N, C-alpha and C. Protein backbone atom coordinates (compact mmCIF):
# COMPACT_ATOMS: atom_id res chain seq x y z
N MET A 1 -4.03 14.87 1.73
CA MET A 1 -2.85 14.15 1.32
C MET A 1 -2.10 15.03 0.32
N GLN A 2 -0.83 15.18 0.52
CA GLN A 2 0.00 16.01 -0.34
C GLN A 2 0.76 15.11 -1.29
N ASP A 3 0.65 15.35 -2.59
CA ASP A 3 1.38 14.56 -3.58
C ASP A 3 2.69 15.24 -3.91
N ILE A 4 3.74 14.45 -4.02
CA ILE A 4 5.02 14.96 -4.49
C ILE A 4 5.01 14.79 -6.00
N LYS A 5 5.09 15.87 -6.72
CA LYS A 5 5.03 15.83 -8.18
C LYS A 5 6.45 15.68 -8.73
N ILE A 6 6.67 14.62 -9.48
CA ILE A 6 7.98 14.34 -10.04
C ILE A 6 7.79 14.01 -11.51
N LYS A 7 8.52 14.68 -12.35
CA LYS A 7 8.39 14.46 -13.79
C LYS A 7 9.50 13.54 -14.27
N ASP A 8 9.13 12.59 -15.10
CA ASP A 8 10.10 11.69 -15.72
C ASP A 8 10.59 12.36 -17.00
N LYS A 9 11.87 12.68 -17.05
CA LYS A 9 12.42 13.43 -18.18
C LYS A 9 12.71 12.56 -19.39
N THR A 10 12.75 11.26 -19.20
CA THR A 10 13.03 10.38 -20.34
C THR A 10 11.85 9.45 -20.55
N PRO A 11 11.54 9.18 -21.81
CA PRO A 11 10.40 8.30 -22.09
C PRO A 11 10.75 6.82 -21.97
N HIS A 12 11.80 6.50 -21.25
CA HIS A 12 12.27 5.13 -21.14
C HIS A 12 11.27 4.31 -20.31
N CYS A 13 10.78 3.23 -20.84
CA CYS A 13 9.73 2.43 -20.23
C CYS A 13 10.13 1.89 -18.87
N SER A 14 11.33 1.36 -18.72
CA SER A 14 11.71 0.73 -17.46
C SER A 14 11.77 1.75 -16.33
N LYS A 15 12.07 3.00 -16.63
CA LYS A 15 12.11 4.02 -15.60
C LYS A 15 10.71 4.26 -15.05
N HIS A 16 9.70 4.26 -15.92
CA HIS A 16 8.31 4.44 -15.48
C HIS A 16 7.87 3.27 -14.60
N VAL A 17 8.19 2.06 -15.01
CA VAL A 17 7.83 0.88 -14.23
C VAL A 17 8.51 0.92 -12.87
N LEU A 18 9.78 1.29 -12.84
CA LEU A 18 10.51 1.38 -11.58
C LEU A 18 9.90 2.43 -10.67
N ALA A 19 9.51 3.57 -11.23
CA ALA A 19 8.89 4.63 -10.43
C ALA A 19 7.59 4.14 -9.81
N ASN A 20 6.81 3.37 -10.54
CA ASN A 20 5.57 2.84 -9.98
C ASN A 20 5.84 1.88 -8.83
N ARG A 21 6.90 1.12 -8.92
CA ARG A 21 7.23 0.18 -7.85
C ARG A 21 7.79 0.91 -6.64
N LEU A 22 8.33 2.11 -6.83
CA LEU A 22 8.94 2.85 -5.73
C LEU A 22 8.02 3.92 -5.17
N CYS A 23 6.74 3.72 -5.27
CA CYS A 23 5.79 4.69 -4.75
C CYS A 23 5.70 4.50 -3.23
N PHE A 24 5.83 5.60 -2.50
CA PHE A 24 5.78 5.56 -1.04
C PHE A 24 4.72 6.51 -0.52
N ARG A 25 4.27 6.24 0.70
CA ARG A 25 3.42 7.16 1.43
C ARG A 25 4.02 7.26 2.82
N ALA A 26 4.07 8.46 3.36
CA ALA A 26 4.61 8.66 4.71
C ALA A 26 3.59 9.41 5.54
N TRP A 27 3.41 8.99 6.77
CA TRP A 27 2.53 9.68 7.70
C TRP A 27 3.41 10.44 8.68
N ILE A 28 3.29 11.75 8.66
CA ILE A 28 4.13 12.62 9.47
C ILE A 28 3.28 13.27 10.55
N GLU A 29 3.74 13.21 11.79
CA GLU A 29 2.99 13.86 12.87
C GLU A 29 3.16 15.37 12.76
N SER A 30 2.05 16.08 12.75
CA SER A 30 2.10 17.54 12.61
C SER A 30 2.26 18.18 13.99
N THR A 31 2.43 19.48 14.00
CA THR A 31 2.58 20.21 15.27
C THR A 31 1.30 20.18 16.08
N LEU A 32 0.17 19.88 15.43
CA LEU A 32 -1.11 19.81 16.14
C LEU A 32 -1.34 18.44 16.76
N GLY A 33 -0.42 17.50 16.55
CA GLY A 33 -0.54 16.18 17.14
C GLY A 33 -1.24 15.16 16.26
N ASN A 34 -1.78 15.60 15.12
CA ASN A 34 -2.39 14.63 14.21
C ASN A 34 -1.41 14.31 13.09
N TYR A 35 -1.81 13.45 12.19
CA TYR A 35 -0.92 13.02 11.13
C TYR A 35 -1.36 13.58 9.79
N MET A 36 -0.40 13.84 8.93
CA MET A 36 -0.71 14.19 7.55
C MET A 36 0.06 13.23 6.65
N ALA A 37 -0.50 12.99 5.49
CA ALA A 37 0.12 12.03 4.57
C ALA A 37 0.76 12.76 3.41
N ILE A 38 1.91 12.26 3.02
CA ILE A 38 2.54 12.71 1.79
C ILE A 38 2.82 11.46 0.99
N GLN A 39 2.62 11.53 -0.30
CA GLN A 39 2.93 10.37 -1.12
C GLN A 39 3.47 10.83 -2.45
N GLY A 40 4.23 9.97 -3.06
CA GLY A 40 4.81 10.31 -4.34
C GLY A 40 5.43 9.11 -5.00
N GLU A 41 5.81 9.31 -6.23
CA GLU A 41 6.45 8.27 -7.03
C GLU A 41 7.80 8.79 -7.48
N PRO A 42 8.79 8.79 -6.60
CA PRO A 42 10.08 9.37 -6.96
C PRO A 42 10.82 8.53 -7.99
N ASP A 43 11.45 9.23 -8.95
CA ASP A 43 12.31 8.50 -9.87
C ASP A 43 13.65 8.31 -9.17
N LEU A 44 14.58 7.66 -9.82
CA LEU A 44 15.86 7.37 -9.16
C LEU A 44 16.61 8.62 -8.75
N GLU A 45 16.47 9.72 -9.52
CA GLU A 45 17.19 10.95 -9.20
C GLU A 45 16.67 11.59 -7.91
N THR A 46 15.37 11.45 -7.65
CA THR A 46 14.81 12.12 -6.47
C THR A 46 14.55 11.17 -5.31
N LEU A 47 14.75 9.88 -5.52
CA LEU A 47 14.53 8.92 -4.44
C LEU A 47 15.43 9.23 -3.24
N GLY A 48 16.67 9.56 -3.51
CA GLY A 48 17.60 9.91 -2.42
C GLY A 48 17.10 11.09 -1.62
N SER A 49 16.59 12.10 -2.30
CA SER A 49 16.06 13.28 -1.63
C SER A 49 14.84 12.92 -0.79
N PHE A 50 13.94 12.11 -1.35
CA PHE A 50 12.74 11.67 -0.63
C PHE A 50 13.13 10.94 0.65
N MET A 51 14.05 10.00 0.53
CA MET A 51 14.47 9.21 1.70
C MET A 51 15.23 10.07 2.70
N HIS A 52 15.99 11.05 2.22
CA HIS A 52 16.71 11.94 3.12
C HIS A 52 15.74 12.72 4.00
N HIS A 53 14.70 13.25 3.39
CA HIS A 53 13.74 14.07 4.13
C HIS A 53 12.88 13.25 5.08
N TYR A 54 12.61 11.99 4.75
CA TYR A 54 11.69 11.19 5.56
C TYR A 54 12.35 9.96 6.19
N SER A 55 13.69 9.92 6.20
CA SER A 55 14.36 8.73 6.72
C SER A 55 14.14 8.55 8.22
N ASP A 56 13.91 9.64 8.95
CA ASP A 56 13.68 9.50 10.38
C ASP A 56 12.22 9.16 10.69
N CYS A 57 11.40 9.16 9.68
CA CYS A 57 9.98 8.86 9.84
C CYS A 57 9.81 7.34 9.91
N LYS A 58 9.16 6.87 10.96
CA LYS A 58 8.93 5.44 11.12
C LYS A 58 7.67 4.99 10.37
N ASN A 59 7.01 5.93 9.73
CA ASN A 59 5.72 5.64 9.12
C ASN A 59 5.77 5.66 7.60
N ILE A 60 6.86 5.20 7.01
CA ILE A 60 6.96 5.14 5.55
C ILE A 60 6.36 3.82 5.09
N MET A 61 5.43 3.90 4.15
CA MET A 61 4.75 2.72 3.65
C MET A 61 4.95 2.62 2.15
N GLN A 62 5.28 1.44 1.68
CA GLN A 62 5.55 1.23 0.27
C GLN A 62 4.30 0.73 -0.45
N PHE A 63 4.17 1.12 -1.70
CA PHE A 63 3.11 0.65 -2.58
C PHE A 63 3.31 -0.84 -2.83
N THR A 64 2.25 -1.62 -2.73
CA THR A 64 2.34 -3.08 -2.90
C THR A 64 2.42 -3.51 -4.35
N GLY A 65 2.06 -2.62 -5.27
CA GLY A 65 2.02 -2.98 -6.67
C GLY A 65 0.63 -3.38 -7.13
N LEU A 66 -0.32 -3.45 -6.21
CA LEU A 66 -1.70 -3.84 -6.55
C LEU A 66 -2.65 -2.67 -6.35
N LEU A 67 -3.72 -2.68 -7.14
CA LEU A 67 -4.80 -1.72 -7.00
C LEU A 67 -6.02 -2.43 -6.45
N ASP A 68 -6.85 -1.70 -5.70
CA ASP A 68 -8.08 -2.31 -5.21
C ASP A 68 -9.14 -2.27 -6.30
N LYS A 69 -10.34 -2.71 -5.99
CA LYS A 69 -11.40 -2.81 -7.00
C LYS A 69 -11.82 -1.44 -7.54
N ASN A 70 -11.48 -0.36 -6.82
CA ASN A 70 -11.82 0.99 -7.25
C ASN A 70 -10.66 1.71 -7.93
N GLY A 71 -9.55 1.00 -8.12
CA GLY A 71 -8.39 1.60 -8.78
C GLY A 71 -7.47 2.34 -7.83
N ASN A 72 -7.68 2.23 -6.51
CA ASN A 72 -6.81 2.87 -5.51
C ASN A 72 -5.58 2.02 -5.25
N LYS A 73 -4.44 2.68 -5.12
CA LYS A 73 -3.21 1.96 -4.79
C LYS A 73 -3.32 1.39 -3.38
N ILE A 74 -2.82 0.17 -3.22
CA ILE A 74 -2.80 -0.48 -1.90
C ILE A 74 -1.39 -0.35 -1.35
N PHE A 75 -1.27 0.31 -0.18
CA PHE A 75 0.01 0.51 0.50
C PHE A 75 0.06 -0.36 1.75
N GLU A 76 1.29 -0.67 2.19
CA GLU A 76 1.39 -1.34 3.49
C GLU A 76 0.83 -0.36 4.52
N GLY A 77 0.17 -0.89 5.52
CA GLY A 77 -0.49 -0.05 6.51
C GLY A 77 -1.94 0.23 6.18
N ASP A 78 -2.36 -0.08 4.96
CA ASP A 78 -3.77 0.08 4.60
C ASP A 78 -4.59 -1.02 5.24
N ILE A 79 -5.86 -0.73 5.44
CA ILE A 79 -6.82 -1.72 5.91
C ILE A 79 -7.73 -2.01 4.73
N VAL A 80 -7.84 -3.29 4.39
CA VAL A 80 -8.62 -3.69 3.22
C VAL A 80 -9.68 -4.71 3.60
N THR A 81 -10.76 -4.69 2.83
CA THR A 81 -11.67 -5.83 2.88
C THR A 81 -11.20 -6.78 1.78
N TYR A 82 -11.28 -8.04 2.07
CA TYR A 82 -10.80 -9.09 1.18
C TYR A 82 -11.97 -10.01 0.90
N LYS A 83 -12.44 -9.99 -0.33
CA LYS A 83 -13.57 -10.81 -0.74
C LYS A 83 -13.05 -11.90 -1.67
N ARG A 84 -13.42 -13.13 -1.37
CA ARG A 84 -12.96 -14.24 -2.20
C ARG A 84 -14.06 -15.28 -2.34
N SER A 85 -13.95 -16.04 -3.39
CA SER A 85 -14.90 -17.12 -3.64
C SER A 85 -14.66 -18.24 -2.65
N VAL A 86 -15.73 -18.87 -2.21
CA VAL A 86 -15.61 -20.07 -1.38
C VAL A 86 -16.45 -21.16 -2.05
N GLY A 87 -15.94 -22.33 -2.08
CA GLY A 87 -16.64 -23.41 -2.78
C GLY A 87 -16.34 -23.33 -4.27
N ASN A 88 -16.60 -24.37 -4.94
CA ASN A 88 -16.33 -24.44 -6.39
C ASN A 88 -17.58 -24.06 -7.18
N TRP A 89 -17.50 -22.95 -7.89
CA TRP A 89 -18.54 -22.51 -8.80
C TRP A 89 -19.91 -22.36 -8.15
N THR A 90 -19.95 -22.08 -6.86
CA THR A 90 -21.24 -21.94 -6.18
C THR A 90 -21.70 -20.48 -6.15
N GLY A 91 -20.77 -19.57 -6.39
CA GLY A 91 -21.12 -18.15 -6.33
C GLY A 91 -21.05 -17.59 -4.91
N GLN A 92 -20.73 -18.43 -3.95
CA GLN A 92 -20.63 -17.96 -2.57
C GLN A 92 -19.31 -17.23 -2.37
N THR A 93 -19.34 -16.17 -1.55
CA THR A 93 -18.13 -15.41 -1.25
C THR A 93 -18.01 -15.20 0.25
N MET A 94 -16.81 -14.87 0.66
CA MET A 94 -16.52 -14.55 2.07
C MET A 94 -15.74 -13.24 2.07
N THR A 95 -16.10 -12.31 2.97
CA THR A 95 -15.39 -11.05 3.07
C THR A 95 -14.83 -10.89 4.48
N THR A 96 -13.53 -10.58 4.56
CA THR A 96 -12.87 -10.35 5.84
C THR A 96 -12.08 -9.04 5.77
N THR A 97 -11.66 -8.53 6.91
CA THR A 97 -10.94 -7.26 6.98
C THR A 97 -9.55 -7.50 7.56
N HIS A 98 -8.52 -6.90 6.92
CA HIS A 98 -7.13 -7.12 7.33
C HIS A 98 -6.28 -5.89 7.10
N LYS A 99 -5.18 -5.79 7.85
CA LYS A 99 -4.20 -4.75 7.53
C LYS A 99 -3.13 -5.37 6.65
N ILE A 100 -2.53 -4.52 5.83
CA ILE A 100 -1.48 -4.97 4.91
C ILE A 100 -0.13 -4.70 5.56
N ILE A 101 0.72 -5.72 5.60
CA ILE A 101 2.06 -5.59 6.15
C ILE A 101 3.06 -6.21 5.18
N PHE A 102 4.33 -5.91 5.38
CA PHE A 102 5.39 -6.58 4.63
C PHE A 102 6.09 -7.51 5.61
N THR A 103 6.29 -8.76 5.23
CA THR A 103 7.00 -9.69 6.08
C THR A 103 8.24 -10.21 5.37
N GLU A 104 9.35 -10.16 6.06
CA GLU A 104 10.60 -10.67 5.49
C GLU A 104 10.63 -12.19 5.48
N GLU A 105 9.76 -12.81 6.26
CA GLU A 105 9.70 -14.27 6.31
C GLU A 105 9.46 -14.87 4.92
N VAL A 106 8.57 -14.24 4.15
CA VAL A 106 8.32 -14.70 2.79
C VAL A 106 8.65 -13.63 1.76
N ASN A 107 9.23 -12.51 2.24
CA ASN A 107 9.64 -11.40 1.38
C ASN A 107 8.50 -10.92 0.50
N ALA A 108 7.34 -10.64 1.14
CA ALA A 108 6.16 -10.25 0.37
C ALA A 108 5.22 -9.42 1.22
N PHE A 109 4.33 -8.70 0.54
CA PHE A 109 3.24 -8.01 1.21
C PHE A 109 2.16 -9.04 1.50
N VAL A 110 1.60 -8.98 2.70
CA VAL A 110 0.61 -9.97 3.12
C VAL A 110 -0.53 -9.29 3.86
N MET A 111 -1.65 -10.00 3.97
CA MET A 111 -2.75 -9.58 4.83
C MET A 111 -2.53 -10.24 6.17
N ASP A 112 -2.47 -9.44 7.21
CA ASP A 112 -2.21 -9.94 8.55
C ASP A 112 -3.47 -10.58 9.13
N TYR A 113 -3.36 -11.83 9.52
CA TYR A 113 -4.45 -12.57 10.15
C TYR A 113 -4.20 -12.74 11.64
N GLY A 114 -3.26 -12.00 12.21
CA GLY A 114 -2.92 -12.15 13.62
C GLY A 114 -1.87 -13.22 13.81
N SER A 115 -2.26 -14.48 13.79
CA SER A 115 -1.30 -15.57 13.99
C SER A 115 -0.78 -16.13 12.67
N SER A 116 -1.33 -15.67 11.56
CA SER A 116 -0.88 -16.13 10.25
C SER A 116 -1.08 -15.00 9.24
N TYR A 117 -0.85 -15.28 7.98
CA TYR A 117 -1.03 -14.27 6.94
C TYR A 117 -1.29 -14.94 5.61
N ILE A 118 -1.82 -14.13 4.68
CA ILE A 118 -2.04 -14.57 3.31
C ILE A 118 -1.34 -13.59 2.39
N LYS A 119 -0.57 -14.11 1.42
CA LYS A 119 0.12 -13.24 0.48
C LYS A 119 -0.88 -12.39 -0.28
N LEU A 120 -0.52 -11.13 -0.45
CA LEU A 120 -1.32 -10.20 -1.24
C LEU A 120 -0.96 -10.44 -2.70
N ARG A 121 -1.94 -10.75 -3.52
CA ARG A 121 -1.65 -11.02 -4.93
C ARG A 121 -2.91 -10.83 -5.77
N LYS A 122 -2.67 -10.64 -7.04
CA LYS A 122 -3.78 -10.52 -7.98
C LYS A 122 -4.15 -11.93 -8.42
N HIS A 123 -5.41 -12.28 -8.25
CA HIS A 123 -5.83 -13.64 -8.55
C HIS A 123 -7.31 -13.61 -8.89
N TRP A 124 -7.73 -14.44 -9.80
CA TRP A 124 -9.13 -14.53 -10.15
C TRP A 124 -9.95 -14.91 -8.91
N GLY A 125 -11.03 -14.23 -8.69
CA GLY A 125 -11.90 -14.54 -7.55
C GLY A 125 -11.55 -13.77 -6.29
N TYR A 126 -10.44 -13.01 -6.29
CA TYR A 126 -10.07 -12.20 -5.13
C TYR A 126 -10.44 -10.75 -5.42
N GLU A 127 -10.93 -10.05 -4.40
CA GLU A 127 -11.26 -8.64 -4.57
C GLU A 127 -10.84 -7.90 -3.30
N TYR A 128 -10.04 -6.86 -3.48
CA TYR A 128 -9.59 -6.04 -2.36
C TYR A 128 -10.25 -4.67 -2.46
N GLU A 129 -10.53 -4.08 -1.30
CA GLU A 129 -11.00 -2.70 -1.28
C GLU A 129 -10.37 -2.00 -0.08
N VAL A 130 -9.68 -0.90 -0.35
CA VAL A 130 -9.08 -0.11 0.73
C VAL A 130 -10.21 0.63 1.44
N ILE A 131 -10.31 0.41 2.76
CA ILE A 131 -11.36 1.08 3.53
C ILE A 131 -10.78 2.05 4.56
N GLY A 132 -9.45 2.09 4.67
CA GLY A 132 -8.80 2.99 5.60
C GLY A 132 -7.34 2.62 5.75
N ASN A 133 -6.74 3.13 6.83
CA ASN A 133 -5.34 2.78 7.13
C ASN A 133 -5.15 2.80 8.64
N ILE A 134 -4.02 2.28 9.08
CA ILE A 134 -3.79 2.09 10.52
C ILE A 134 -3.62 3.40 11.27
N TYR A 135 -3.38 4.52 10.58
CA TYR A 135 -3.21 5.80 11.24
C TYR A 135 -4.50 6.57 11.39
N GLU A 136 -5.33 6.56 10.35
CA GLU A 136 -6.58 7.30 10.41
C GLU A 136 -7.75 6.48 10.92
N ASN A 137 -7.71 5.17 10.72
CA ASN A 137 -8.86 4.31 11.04
C ASN A 137 -8.49 3.04 11.78
N PRO A 138 -7.72 3.11 12.87
CA PRO A 138 -7.32 1.87 13.56
C PRO A 138 -8.51 1.08 14.11
N GLU A 139 -9.63 1.75 14.31
CA GLU A 139 -10.81 1.08 14.85
C GLU A 139 -11.42 0.08 13.87
N LEU A 140 -11.02 0.13 12.60
CA LEU A 140 -11.56 -0.80 11.60
C LEU A 140 -11.03 -2.21 11.76
N LEU A 141 -9.96 -2.38 12.52
CA LEU A 141 -9.38 -3.71 12.69
C LEU A 141 -10.05 -4.49 13.80
């Protein structure tokens, strides 16, 4: 994975927060027929350049704003295990596997359940772990 290194020239707090929200990953088909990933956190000055270079790419995935249990960023297109508590205070959990998508229906990142979805959110008792993505590991679904 190739990181785009972008330096924030001003110590302004809102610019840093905005850059974190605008983190993208793009999967580009190489001349060998496989895919390579590039990701970065462009600030407003370089966002136009980033989008110009990758606007024809259909594989641009946005950062959801959440980290998994290992501190990895969760992007749309990632495949995650979702562990949650079941029952009240019993200690029982359930783990399922889903891909992350963005749906305009609720204007949010969600875990795809096929015929339905669950909003991706930080909540007590929920645990996400990125185990792959739809380009490198489609067999995980």
